[in-house]
Amino acid sequence: MAVRRKRKQGINPVILYAVLAVCVVLGIISIIKMTKKEPSDGGKQPTGVTHQATKMPDKPTGTETTPGPTEEITPTPTEVADMSYDITLCFCGDINFEDGGIPMTKLESVGGDLTKCISPELLAKMRAADITVINNEFTYTTRGTATAGKAWTFRANPSRVSLLHEMGIDIAILANNHAYDYGEVSLTDTMETLKNAGIDYVGAGYNLAEAKTPVYKTVQGKTIAFVAASRAEKNIMTPMATDTKPGILRCYRIGDDPKIKTDEEAVFVEAIREAKQHADFVIAIVHWGADYQEKIEQVQIDSAKVYLDAGADAIIGGHSHKPDPIDFYKGKPIVYGYSNFWFNDKDLGSMLIELKIHGDDATGEQHIDLYYTPARQKNVTTTILLGADREKEVANMLKISGNKIKIAEDGLVTPAE
């Protein structure tokens, strides 16, 4: 009997196509996964650095997405708070608003337009500074009697204080030889006038405690202290404040004059040290020297070092009615005399001084730059100097400073060495 062979069956085409389709799909998925992986070397983190995924920024409502399981979230840099600061302090010399005096007569003659008495460029700097300080070389009062035996005495109607606002003044210096021109009442009236006008005063008070108290100003999170004292008079007529009597803060040494019975300079040094305990920066302002003299006295040089060693970061001086030398001690600036600013009708050099404080709390960096803007008081008008006039005034400053400083085109003053 013949054996019947089993017939060989062919592969069903439908099954074949299905298998091929599955293979294609799996291949595509594998390729996609491979393309999503980072290169083997490009995604390495430096040794010792741990990679941490950070939360992605929120998206607007309706557009939020969730990263897929194979996606890595790129970390965003941590924002560092800006801890830097740039502060500008501006200092101007002697002013005088005396009733019937030369500056006020000039102001009235130009219809009260201050820009015709002081350069708009100077006023702009004064108004733009964070703190502007001026020497108030007169009293605000309608009362009192002129100090007997004093050659020059000045008083202005208290309403004139509005000019300080127009000039951009924040602090008025009263530690000078004219704050008491019409007696005790003239000093107390002056303090009340400034207080009511919202302008701080320094270097005088109803008693010694107030007279030696610094003025503190906080700018950009930094506290700046201002202290002021006077040793200007050769014939001392302006009283030192006492525990019970109004007066100014003086800084004479024993031996300077037979009238000096206590070491007043020690009181000023104490005020500087006290200020340093509560402030980031201390500016010491001193009324000293001789009228209309460019040569400074040895006591000024010696005292400036004492004040800076006590904690002052800069010395600003005045009284001579002329520009005096600029110097540095241990990198700290000393302006021995900033001259008149708008005081009388004499033709003489003037200036505007700026201290620019720069720093960064993140790095600990901090320094003070001194900027000098030459000016001139002439025809009862104080003008900024430009061109050849500026060069001439700069040359004079370099000369009287013993060529120990350099003055850049932008006014930056630095030690010559």
Protein backbone atom coordinates (compact mmCIF):
# COMPACT_ATOMS: atom_id res chain seq x y z
CA MET A 1 0.00 0.00 0.00
CA ALA A 2 1.41 3.33 -0.99
CA VAL A 3 2.38 5.73 1.83
CA ARG A 4 0.73 9.11 1.55
CA ARG A 5 3.21 12.02 2.01
CA LYS A 6 2.30 14.94 4.30
CA ARG A 7 1.89 18.07 2.22
CA LYS A 8 4.28 20.98 3.26
CA GLN A 9 2.33 24.09 4.14
CA GLY A 10 3.58 27.62 3.13
CA ILE A 11 3.82 30.66 5.54
CA ASN A 12 0.63 32.60 5.73
CA PRO A 13 1.29 36.03 4.09
CA VAL A 14 -0.80 37.86 6.68
CA ILE A 15 1.32 36.57 9.53
CA LEU A 16 4.49 37.44 7.67
CA TYR A 17 3.42 41.03 7.15
CA ALA A 18 2.42 41.38 10.80
CA VAL A 19 5.81 40.17 12.00
CA LEU A 20 7.63 42.53 9.68
CA ALA A 21 5.51 45.47 10.90
CA VAL A 22 6.32 44.71 14.54
CA CYS A 23 10.03 44.56 13.73
CA VAL A 24 9.92 47.91 11.99
CA VAL A 25 8.11 49.54 14.93
CA LEU A 26 10.58 48.12 17.44
CA GLY A 27 13.47 49.36 15.34
CA ILE A 28 12.07 52.87 15.19
CA ILE A 29 11.56 52.92 18.98
CA SER A 30 15.17 51.81 19.53
CA ILE A 31 16.48 54.57 17.27
CA ILE A 32 14.40 57.20 19.10
CA LYS A 33 15.72 56.04 22.47
CA MET A 34 19.29 56.17 21.25
CA THR A 35 18.95 59.72 19.97
CA LYS A 36 17.67 60.91 23.36
CA LYS A 37 20.76 59.75 25.23
CA GLU A 38 23.50 62.29 25.89
CA PRO A 39 26.91 61.68 24.36
CA SER A 40 29.10 59.58 26.58
CA ASP A 41 31.55 62.40 27.27
CA GLY A 42 29.55 65.58 26.75
CA GLY A 43 27.31 65.23 29.78
CA LYS A 44 30.00 64.57 32.37
CA GLN A 45 30.11 66.68 35.46
CA PRO A 46 33.47 67.91 36.73
CA THR A 47 35.04 65.80 39.45
CA GLY A 48 33.55 66.54 42.84
CA VAL A 49 30.45 68.28 41.45
CA THR A 50 27.13 66.58 42.08
CA HIS A 51 24.52 66.97 39.40
CA GLN A 52 21.13 67.89 40.80
CA ALA A 53 18.01 68.45 38.81
CA THR A 54 16.33 71.76 39.59
CA LYS A 55 12.73 72.68 39.24
CA MET A 56 11.92 74.09 35.84
CA PRO A 57 10.45 77.59 35.75
CA ASP A 58 6.67 77.64 35.93
CA LYS A 59 4.91 78.14 32.65
CA PRO A 60 1.72 80.10 32.09
CA THR A 61 -1.51 78.32 32.94
CA GLY A 62 -2.52 75.84 30.26
CA THR A 63 1.00 75.23 28.95
CA GLU A 64 2.52 73.20 31.77
CA THR A 65 4.27 70.00 30.70
CA THR A 66 5.77 67.13 32.62
CA PRO A 67 9.21 65.94 31.52
CA GLY A 68 9.26 62.42 30.09
CA PRO A 69 10.94 59.61 31.99
CA THR A 70 14.04 59.78 29.80
CA GLU A 71 14.43 63.59 29.81
CA GLU A 72 17.05 65.27 31.98
CA ILE A 73 16.25 68.69 33.40
CA THR A 74 18.97 71.28 32.78
CA PRO A 75 19.80 73.22 35.99
CA THR A 76 19.49 77.01 35.90
CA PRO A 77 22.25 79.18 37.41
CA THR A 78 21.53 80.48 40.92
CA GLU A 79 20.97 84.25 40.88
CA VAL A 80 23.42 86.17 43.09
CA ALA A 81 22.07 89.31 44.74
CA ASP A 82 23.87 92.51 43.76
CA MET A 83 25.75 93.63 46.88
CA SER A 84 27.68 96.49 45.32
CA TYR A 85 27.26 100.17 46.17
CA ASP A 86 28.30 103.49 44.65
CA ILE A 87 27.77 106.56 46.84
CA THR A 88 28.64 110.18 46.02
CA LEU A 89 29.31 112.79 48.71
CA CYS A 90 29.69 116.41 47.60
CA PHE A 91 31.43 119.19 49.57
CA CYS A 92 31.36 122.94 48.92
CA GLY A 93 33.19 125.74 50.71
CA ASP A 94 32.05 128.92 52.42
CA ILE A 95 28.69 130.51 51.63
CA ASN A 96 27.20 133.75 52.97
CA PHE A 97 23.53 134.77 52.77
CA GLU A 98 23.98 137.93 54.86
CA ASP A 99 21.14 140.44 54.51
CA GLY A 100 22.38 143.29 52.33
CA GLY A 101 25.61 141.40 51.75
CA ILE A 102 27.34 141.05 48.42
CA PRO A 103 25.98 137.60 47.38
CA MET A 104 22.37 138.48 48.25
CA THR A 105 22.63 141.82 46.45
CA LYS A 106 23.90 139.94 43.39
CA LEU A 107 21.08 137.40 43.60
CA GLU A 108 18.46 140.14 43.77
CA SER A 109 20.02 141.90 40.78
CA VAL A 110 19.44 138.81 38.61
CA GLY A 111 15.86 138.33 39.72
CA GLY A 112 16.62 135.56 42.19
CA ASP A 113 17.99 133.26 39.47
CA LEU A 114 20.57 131.15 41.30
CA THR A 115 21.96 129.77 38.03
CA LYS A 116 23.28 133.27 37.28
CA CYS A 117 25.27 133.18 40.51
CA ILE A 118 26.44 129.55 40.50
CA SER A 119 27.15 127.53 37.34
CA PRO A 120 24.32 125.17 36.39
CA GLU A 121 26.99 122.46 36.01
CA LEU A 122 28.03 122.90 39.65
CA LEU A 123 24.44 123.00 40.86
CA ALA A 124 23.72 119.82 38.91
CA LYS A 125 26.54 117.99 40.70
CA MET A 126 25.37 119.27 44.07
CA ARG A 127 21.79 118.18 43.46
CA ALA A 128 22.74 114.81 42.01
CA ALA A 129 24.99 113.73 44.89
CA ASP A 130 23.61 111.37 47.50
CA ILE A 131 24.67 113.80 50.25
CA THR A 132 25.82 117.41 49.77
CA VAL A 133 27.56 119.35 52.54
CA ILE A 134 28.32 123.07 52.73
CA ASN A 135 30.03 125.40 55.21
CA ASN A 136 27.37 127.73 56.64
CA GLU A 137 29.62 130.75 57.34
CA PHE A 138 26.94 133.02 58.89
CA THR A 139 23.95 132.93 61.24
CA TYR A 140 20.21 132.70 60.53
CA THR A 141 18.65 135.25 62.87
CA THR A 142 17.06 138.67 63.16
CA ARG A 143 18.11 138.95 66.80
CA GLY A 144 21.23 139.40 68.87
CA THR A 145 24.10 141.87 69.01
CA ALA A 146 27.27 141.64 66.97
CA THR A 147 30.19 140.20 68.90
CA ALA A 148 32.24 143.10 70.25
CA GLY A 149 35.66 143.48 68.71
CA LYS A 150 34.95 141.14 65.82
CA ALA A 151 35.82 142.62 62.42
CA TRP A 152 33.28 140.64 60.39
CA THR A 153 29.89 139.44 61.59
CA PHE A 154 27.16 137.95 59.42
CA ARG A 155 23.46 137.23 59.85
CA ALA A 156 20.70 136.40 57.40
CA ASN A 157 16.93 136.36 57.58
CA PRO A 158 15.86 132.78 58.37
CA SER A 159 13.77 132.76 55.18
CA ARG A 160 17.04 132.58 53.22
CA VAL A 161 17.38 128.95 54.26
CA SER A 162 15.27 128.05 51.21
CA LEU A 163 18.38 128.67 49.12
CA LEU A 164 19.99 125.61 50.68
CA HIS A 165 17.17 123.48 49.31
CA GLU A 166 17.61 125.08 45.91
CA MET A 167 21.30 124.20 46.03
CA GLY A 168 20.63 120.61 47.08
CA ILE A 169 22.20 120.88 50.54
CA ASP A 170 21.68 118.06 53.06
CA ILE A 171 24.12 119.04 55.84
CA ALA A 172 25.27 122.49 57.01
CA ILE A 173 28.56 122.81 58.88
CA LEU A 174 28.35 125.07 61.96
CA ALA A 175 31.80 124.35 63.39
CA ASN A 176 33.27 127.63 62.18
CA ASN A 177 34.19 131.11 63.41
CA HIS A 178 30.92 132.79 62.34
CA ALA A 179 28.29 130.51 63.91
CA TYR A 180 28.13 132.73 67.02
CA ASP A 181 28.50 136.17 65.37
CA TYR A 182 25.45 137.67 67.11
CA GLY A 183 25.75 135.83 70.39
CA GLU A 184 24.17 132.71 71.77
CA VAL A 185 20.74 133.52 70.35
CA SER A 186 22.15 133.69 66.83
CA LEU A 187 23.52 130.16 67.14
CA THR A 188 20.33 128.73 68.61
CA ASP A 189 18.22 130.55 65.99
CA THR A 190 20.46 129.08 63.29
CA MET A 191 20.07 125.56 64.63
CA GLU A 192 16.29 125.95 64.87
CA THR A 193 16.08 127.39 61.35
CA LEU A 194 18.01 124.48 59.87
CA LYS A 195 16.08 121.94 61.92
CA ASN A 196 12.73 123.38 60.80
CA ALA A 197 13.94 123.32 57.19
CA GLY A 198 14.82 119.64 57.44
CA ILE A 199 18.54 120.24 57.00
CA ASP A 200 21.00 118.55 59.34
CA TYR A 201 23.74 120.56 61.02
CA VAL A 202 27.01 119.31 62.45
CA GLY A 203 29.66 120.73 64.77
CA ALA A 204 27.43 122.74 67.12
CA GLY A 205 24.71 122.12 69.66
CA TYR A 206 22.74 123.22 72.68
CA ASN A 207 25.40 121.49 74.76
CA LEU A 208 28.65 119.62 74.28
CA ALA A 209 26.94 116.25 73.93
CA GLU A 210 25.00 117.50 70.91
CA ALA A 211 27.91 119.46 69.43
CA LYS A 212 30.10 116.37 69.26
CA THR A 213 27.34 114.04 68.06
CA PRO A 214 27.92 112.88 64.47
CA VAL A 215 25.33 113.26 61.75
CA TYR A 216 24.57 109.79 60.42
CA LYS A 217 23.23 109.24 56.92
CA THR A 218 22.36 105.86 55.43
CA VAL A 219 22.71 105.44 51.67
CA GLN A 220 22.38 102.13 49.80
CA GLY A 221 22.57 100.28 53.09
CA LYS A 222 25.79 101.99 54.19
CA THR A 223 25.99 104.37 57.15
CA ILE A 224 28.16 107.45 56.74
CA ALA A 225 29.05 109.61 59.74
CA PHE A 226 29.99 113.30 59.57
CA VAL A 227 31.81 115.01 62.43
CA ALA A 228 33.03 118.61 62.48
CA ALA A 229 35.18 120.86 64.66
CA SER A 230 36.98 124.21 64.44
CA ARG A 231 40.39 125.56 65.38
CA ALA A 232 40.32 128.49 62.97
CA GLU A 233 40.49 131.58 65.18
CA LYS A 234 43.82 133.06 66.16
CA ASN A 235 41.91 135.31 68.56
CA ILE A 236 39.38 132.86 69.94
CA MET A 237 35.91 134.43 70.19
CA THR A 238 33.55 131.58 69.32
CA PRO A 239 32.80 129.50 72.44
CA MET A 240 33.09 125.76 72.80
CA ALA A 241 29.84 124.13 73.85
CA THR A 242 29.74 122.98 77.48
CA ASP A 243 27.58 120.57 79.41
CA THR A 244 25.06 123.37 79.95
CA LYS A 245 25.74 126.04 77.31
CA PRO A 246 25.34 126.15 73.51
CA GLY A 247 28.41 126.47 71.36
CA ILE A 248 30.45 124.81 68.66
CA LEU A 249 32.82 121.86 68.83
CA ARG A 250 36.41 123.08 68.81
CA CYS A 251 39.62 121.08 68.43
CA TYR A 252 42.42 123.22 69.84
CA ARG A 253 45.33 121.61 71.64
CA ILE A 254 46.61 122.73 75.02
CA GLY A 255 49.33 125.25 74.29
CA ASP A 256 47.70 126.61 71.14
CA ASP A 257 46.35 129.57 73.10
CA PRO A 258 46.37 130.64 76.78
CA LYS A 259 42.56 130.44 76.73
CA ILE A 260 42.65 126.70 76.04
CA LYS A 261 42.52 124.89 79.38
CA THR A 262 41.47 121.44 78.18
CA ASP A 263 42.56 119.22 75.32
CA GLU A 264 39.73 119.96 72.90
CA GLU A 265 41.34 117.89 70.17
CA ALA A 266 40.92 114.83 72.39
CA VAL A 267 37.17 115.50 72.47
CA PHE A 268 37.08 115.59 68.67
CA VAL A 269 39.12 112.40 68.43
CA GLU A 270 36.65 110.77 70.81
CA ALA A 271 33.80 111.87 68.52
CA ILE A 272 35.57 110.30 65.53
CA ARG A 273 36.10 107.03 67.37
CA GLU A 274 32.49 106.99 68.53
CA ALA A 275 31.32 107.59 64.95
CA LYS A 276 33.45 104.71 63.69
CA GLN A 277 31.67 102.37 66.09
CA HIS A 278 28.34 103.08 64.41
CA ALA A 279 29.21 103.85 60.78
CA ASP A 280 30.79 102.21 57.78
CA PHE A 281 32.56 105.44 56.78
CA VAL A 282 33.52 108.55 58.76
CA ILE A 283 34.18 111.98 57.26
CA ALA A 284 35.97 114.48 59.52
CA ILE A 285 35.41 118.15 58.65
CA VAL A 286 37.78 120.71 60.14
CA HIS A 287 37.77 124.54 60.10
CA TRP A 288 41.44 125.50 60.35
CA GLY A 289 44.41 127.31 58.81
CA ALA A 290 45.03 130.98 58.08
CA ASP A 291 42.92 133.38 56.02
CA TYR A 292 43.97 133.71 52.37
CA GLN A 293 47.06 131.53 52.85
CA GLU A 294 47.86 128.58 50.61
CA LYS A 295 50.59 127.28 52.90
CA ILE A 296 49.21 125.02 55.57
CA GLU A 297 50.35 124.96 59.19
CA GLN A 298 52.27 122.07 60.72
CA VAL A 299 49.49 121.52 63.24
CA GLN A 300 47.10 120.80 60.36
CA ILE A 301 49.40 118.11 59.00
CA ASP A 302 49.87 116.56 62.43
CA SER A 303 46.20 116.71 63.39
CA ALA A 304 45.03 115.25 60.08
CA LYS A 305 47.08 112.13 60.77
CA VAL A 306 45.63 111.88 64.28
CA TYR A 307 42.06 112.09 62.94
CA LEU A 308 42.67 109.51 60.23
CA ASP A 309 44.37 107.14 62.65
CA ALA A 310 41.38 107.54 64.99
CA GLY A 311 39.07 106.16 62.32
CA ALA A 312 38.24 108.95 59.87
CA ASP A 313 38.21 107.83 56.23
CA ALA A 314 38.72 111.31 54.77
CA ILE A 315 39.46 114.86 55.94
CA ILE A 316 37.69 117.87 54.44
CA GLY A 317 39.05 121.23 55.59
CA GLY A 318 38.14 124.86 55.15
CA HIS A 319 38.48 128.45 56.43
CA SER A 320 41.36 129.93 54.41
CA HIS A 321 39.06 131.36 51.67
CA LYS A 322 41.55 130.03 49.11
CA PRO A 323 42.31 126.58 47.69
CA ASP A 324 44.71 124.67 49.94
CA PRO A 325 46.74 121.53 49.18
CA ILE A 326 45.37 118.05 48.67
CA ASP A 327 47.28 115.10 50.09
CA PHE A 328 46.95 111.45 51.11
CA TYR A 329 47.87 109.64 54.31
CA LYS A 330 47.86 105.85 54.36
CA GLY A 331 45.79 106.01 51.18
CA LYS A 332 43.14 108.27 52.74
CA PRO A 333 42.39 111.67 51.16
CA ILE A 334 42.99 115.02 52.87
CA VAL A 335 41.59 118.24 51.42
CA TYR A 336 43.18 120.95 53.55
CA GLY A 337 40.96 123.75 52.27
CA TYR A 338 38.14 123.93 49.72
CA SER A 339 38.11 127.75 49.55
CA ASN A 340 35.10 130.04 49.20
CA PHE A 341 32.17 128.71 47.27
CA TRP A 342 29.88 131.74 47.09
CA PHE A 343 30.97 134.11 49.80
CA ASN A 344 32.10 137.56 48.64
CA ASP A 345 33.28 139.57 45.63
CA LYS A 346 36.92 138.51 45.64
CA ASP A 347 38.41 136.94 42.52
CA LEU A 348 39.87 133.63 43.65
CA GLY A 349 40.01 129.92 42.99
CA SER A 350 37.24 127.69 44.22
CA MET A 351 36.31 124.04 43.87
CA LEU A 352 33.75 121.35 44.34
CA ILE A 353 34.94 118.16 46.03
CA GLU A 354 33.32 114.77 45.55
CA LEU A 355 34.08 111.62 47.50
CA LYS A 356 32.87 108.58 45.60
CA ILE A 357 32.55 105.49 47.75
CA HIS A 358 32.65 102.18 45.88
CA GLY A 359 32.34 98.72 47.31
CA ASP A 360 30.94 95.23 47.06
CA ASP A 361 29.89 93.30 50.14
CA ALA A 362 30.14 90.05 48.20
CA THR A 363 33.89 90.46 47.73
CA GLY A 364 34.73 92.77 50.61
CA GLU A 365 36.06 95.39 48.21
CA GLN A 366 35.71 99.05 49.22
CA HIS A 367 37.52 102.29 48.45
CA ILE A 368 36.99 106.04 48.36
CA ASP A 369 37.92 108.08 45.29
CA LEU A 370 38.46 111.84 45.49
CA TYR A 371 37.28 114.00 42.58
CA TYR A 372 38.24 117.66 42.22
CA THR A 373 36.22 120.08 40.08
CA PRO A 374 38.04 123.41 39.64
CA ALA A 375 35.91 126.55 39.83
CA ARG A 376 36.34 130.27 40.30
CA GLN A 377 34.56 132.89 42.38
CA LYS A 378 34.59 136.12 40.39
CA ASN A 379 32.14 139.02 40.19
CA VAL A 380 30.10 137.33 42.94
CA THR A 381 29.56 134.37 40.61
CA THR A 382 31.01 130.90 41.04
CA THR A 383 31.65 129.18 37.72
CA ILE A 384 33.03 125.82 36.71
CA LEU A 385 36.37 126.07 34.87
CA LEU A 386 36.91 124.50 31.46
CA GLY A 387 39.67 124.37 28.87
CA ALA A 388 42.70 126.56 29.48
CA ASP A 389 41.19 128.05 32.65
CA ARG A 390 40.80 124.58 34.10
CA GLU A 391 44.35 123.62 33.16
CA LYS A 392 45.68 126.72 34.89
CA GLU A 393 43.78 126.00 38.11
CA VAL A 394 44.81 122.34 38.06
CA ALA A 395 48.44 123.38 37.61
CA ASN A 396 48.13 125.64 40.65
CA MET A 397 46.65 122.84 42.74
CA LEU A 398 49.48 120.50 41.74
CA LYS A 399 52.01 123.18 42.65
CA ILE A 400 50.62 124.04 46.09
CA SER A 401 50.25 120.32 46.81
CA GLY A 402 53.98 119.87 46.25
CA ASN A 403 53.38 117.78 43.14
CA LYS A 404 52.51 114.88 45.43
CA ILE A 405 49.25 114.22 43.60
CA LYS A 406 47.97 113.55 40.09
CA ILE A 407 44.73 114.96 38.68
CA ALA A 408 43.12 113.12 35.76
CA GLU A 409 40.96 114.67 33.06
CA ASP A 410 37.82 113.53 34.86
CA GLY A 411 39.04 115.13 38.10
CA LEU A 412 40.14 111.94 39.85
CA VAL A 413 42.91 112.76 42.34
CA THR A 414 45.46 110.09 43.22
CA PRO A 415 48.87 110.05 44.91
CA ALA A 416 51.71 110.83 42.51
CA GLU A 417 53.65 107.73 43.53
